[in-house]
Amino acid sequence: MKKWLNFTSVPILAVIILLMFHLYSAESRVKGPSQPIFFSHKIHAGDNEIPCQYCHSYVEISTIPGIPSDQKCIGCHLFIIGKDEDYKYDGGSINIKNEIEKVKGYWDRNEPIPWVKVTFVPDFVHFNHKRHVRREIECKVCHGEVQTMDVVYQVQKFSMGFCVTCHQEKARDAQELTMLKDCLTCHY
């Protein structure tokens, strides 16, 4: 009886663990990571129509988009204080004025805001934002409708299939398609 229990319990346990990991990863993609300051892209990029490149200013010159500095945030929020009322969103409610005070606290302490990274690509992939921005590929192709999100989450799991399909759709001619499908385009 003990042999049977050990032999069958290992696969069952493995299935349970894999299911837990799947649920955890799906939940984290939908909810997004907890940030040190509540930052609503819906308020900034949606309601106020601030372009992505205003805060993520390195996308046109670098392989990474860049996270806005405290200076960028305080540049607006020295003057824009926010209403002293609760803002309701899918995850609950938050007082915007209190969140802006947190931004000011980081600024006063000369301390960078420790934002938590949201979007990940595998370590063996070298993604270049600059190339995509120069091709005028909209941010939402990969990041979804961020301007509608209070809490940003990774919409798309970046698999090779996702990227290759996009490369095939965006190629302007056969020569460019050959280049975009070359392994060294993303793996160098």
Foldseek 3Di string as FASTA:
>chain_A
DVVVCVVPVVVVVVVVVVVVVVVVVVVCQVQPDDFPFQAFLLVVCNVVVDDLCLQQVCLQPWQGSDGHWLCSLVVPCVPVQADQDWDQDPVGIDGSNVRSVVSVVCVVVVHTGPTDDADDADPQWRGGSNVCVVLVPDPCLFQNPSNNGSHGHGPDHDDPVSQLVVQVVSQPDPVSNVVSPDPVVTGD
